[in-house]
Amino acid sequence: MRGHRTPPAVCRLAQQIAEVLVGQRTPESLSPALTVPVREQLRTLRSSLACCTAPRLTRVFHQSPVPHQVEASAVVGCRCRRRVFAFRAAIRQGRWVCSQLETDLRRSRGHL
């Protein structure tokens, strides 16, 4: 990857993951872009981020430890609150696929 600009497809993937976390999208809708363990993880985390508006991706930071792979952290805004999650993605068959996801969210009693 040249420069410091996060690839647009990685930013889109981060936005889509945020939409799952707030319950506006199903993990299954992202199946081609997720490994099975990440899809299962998102199933348990779906709707665990309380947000009454659409989540707004405010920033994605990334680094590329090896070619065609990124480690990214995304800052998501939901009104006056900000949350961060991190993920690893690699290009597989011409598309970015998330293989690991880290959040501080836990599914318990609805929302945090």
Protein backbone atom coordinates (compact mmCIF):
# COMPACT_ATOMS: atom_id res chain seq x y z
CA MET A 1 0.00 0.00 0.00
CA ARG A 2 1.34 3.38 -0.93
CA GLY A 3 1.11 6.33 1.39
CA HIS A 4 -0.96 6.55 4.52
CA ARG A 5 -4.43 6.62 3.03
CA THR A 6 -6.62 3.75 4.12
CA PRO A 7 -7.99 1.89 1.09
CA PRO A 8 -11.63 2.89 0.48
CA ALA A 9 -12.76 -0.76 0.53
CA VAL A 10 -11.27 -1.15 4.03
CA CYS A 11 -13.15 1.96 5.18
CA ARG A 12 -16.38 0.53 3.72
CA LEU A 13 -15.78 -2.75 5.55
CA ALA A 14 -15.26 -0.83 8.81
CA GLN A 15 -18.52 1.07 8.26
CA GLN A 16 -20.38 -2.15 7.56
CA ILE A 17 -18.99 -3.79 10.72
CA ALA A 18 -20.12 -0.74 12.71
CA GLU A 19 -23.60 -1.11 11.21
CA VAL A 20 -23.72 -4.71 12.49
CA LEU A 21 -22.61 -3.62 15.95
CA VAL A 22 -25.52 -1.16 16.18
CA GLY A 23 -28.01 -3.63 14.69
CA GLN A 24 -28.63 -1.93 11.33
CA ARG A 25 -27.14 -4.80 9.31
CA THR A 26 -26.93 -8.56 9.75
CA PRO A 27 -23.58 -10.36 9.88
CA GLU A 28 -24.87 -12.65 7.13
CA SER A 29 -25.09 -9.69 4.75
CA LEU A 30 -21.30 -9.43 5.05
CA SER A 31 -20.59 -13.16 4.69
CA PRO A 32 -18.27 -12.79 1.67
CA ALA A 33 -16.22 -10.22 3.61
CA LEU A 34 -15.93 -12.16 6.90
CA THR A 35 -14.33 -15.38 7.97
CA VAL A 36 -16.71 -17.78 9.73
CA PRO A 37 -15.30 -17.06 13.24
CA VAL A 38 -15.72 -13.29 12.74
CA ARG A 39 -19.27 -13.75 11.42
CA GLU A 40 -20.12 -15.82 14.51
CA GLN A 41 -18.52 -13.22 16.77
CA LEU A 42 -20.60 -10.49 15.11
CA ARG A 43 -23.76 -12.56 15.59
CA THR A 44 -23.23 -12.41 19.33
CA LEU A 45 -22.25 -8.72 19.25
CA ARG A 46 -25.03 -7.55 16.93
CA SER A 47 -26.94 -4.62 18.45
CA SER A 48 -24.56 -4.46 21.42
CA LEU A 49 -23.56 -0.87 20.64
CA ALA A 50 -26.38 1.45 21.62
CA CYS A 51 -26.88 4.02 18.89
CA CYS A 52 -30.17 5.67 18.01
CA THR A 53 -28.74 7.10 14.78
CA ALA A 54 -26.71 5.58 11.97
CA PRO A 55 -23.14 4.99 13.14
CA ARG A 56 -20.72 7.47 11.61
CA LEU A 57 -17.23 6.26 10.83
CA THR A 58 -15.05 9.20 11.82
CA ARG A 59 -11.61 7.73 11.22
CA VAL A 60 -9.86 4.54 10.17
CA PHE A 61 -6.19 4.09 10.97
CA HIS A 62 -4.27 1.27 9.35
CA GLN A 63 -0.91 -0.32 8.89
CA SER A 64 0.16 -2.98 6.44
CA PRO A 65 2.49 -5.47 8.12
CA VAL A 66 2.69 -7.52 4.91
CA PRO A 67 1.48 -6.83 1.36
CA HIS A 68 -2.28 -7.25 0.80
CA GLN A 69 -3.04 -7.25 4.54
CA VAL A 70 -4.07 -4.47 6.91
CA GLU A 71 -4.46 -4.07 10.61
CA ALA A 72 -6.97 -1.29 11.18
CA SER A 73 -8.70 0.52 13.98
CA ALA A 74 -11.92 2.39 13.38
CA VAL A 75 -13.43 5.23 15.36
CA VAL A 76 -17.22 5.21 15.25
CA GLY A 77 -19.43 8.06 16.37
CA CYS A 78 -22.97 7.59 17.63
CA ARG A 79 -24.21 11.04 18.48
CA CYS A 80 -21.94 12.32 21.26
CA ARG A 81 -20.31 8.96 22.01
CA ARG A 82 -17.25 7.46 20.33
CA ARG A 83 -16.21 3.80 20.24
CA VAL A 84 -13.24 2.06 18.68
CA PHE A 85 -12.80 -1.43 17.27
CA ALA A 86 -9.86 -3.08 15.57
CA PHE A 87 -9.72 -5.65 12.82
CA ARG A 88 -7.36 -7.49 10.54
CA ALA A 89 -8.23 -7.94 6.87
CA ALA A 90 -6.50 -9.44 3.86
CA ILE A 91 -7.25 -9.50 0.18
CA ARG A 92 -8.72 -12.85 -0.81
CA GLN A 93 -10.00 -13.46 -4.32
CA GLY A 94 -9.94 -9.74 -5.06
CA ARG A 95 -11.83 -8.53 -1.97
CA TRP A 96 -10.98 -7.52 1.58
CA VAL A 97 -11.93 -10.20 4.10
CA CYS A 98 -11.94 -9.56 7.84
CA SER A 99 -10.20 -12.41 9.66
CA GLN A 100 -10.00 -10.98 13.20
CA LEU A 101 -12.06 -8.48 15.16
CA GLU A 102 -11.48 -6.92 18.56
CA THR A 103 -13.96 -4.80 20.46
CA ASP A 104 -14.59 -3.88 24.06
CA LEU A 105 -18.25 -4.79 23.65
CA ARG A 106 -19.94 -7.64 25.47
CA ARG A 107 -23.40 -8.92 24.88
CA SER A 108 -25.25 -8.61 28.17
CA ARG A 109 -28.74 -7.34 28.94
CA GLY A 110 -29.26 -5.73 25.57
CA HIS A 111 -26.94 -2.74 25.32
CA LEU A 112 -23.93 -1.42 27.15
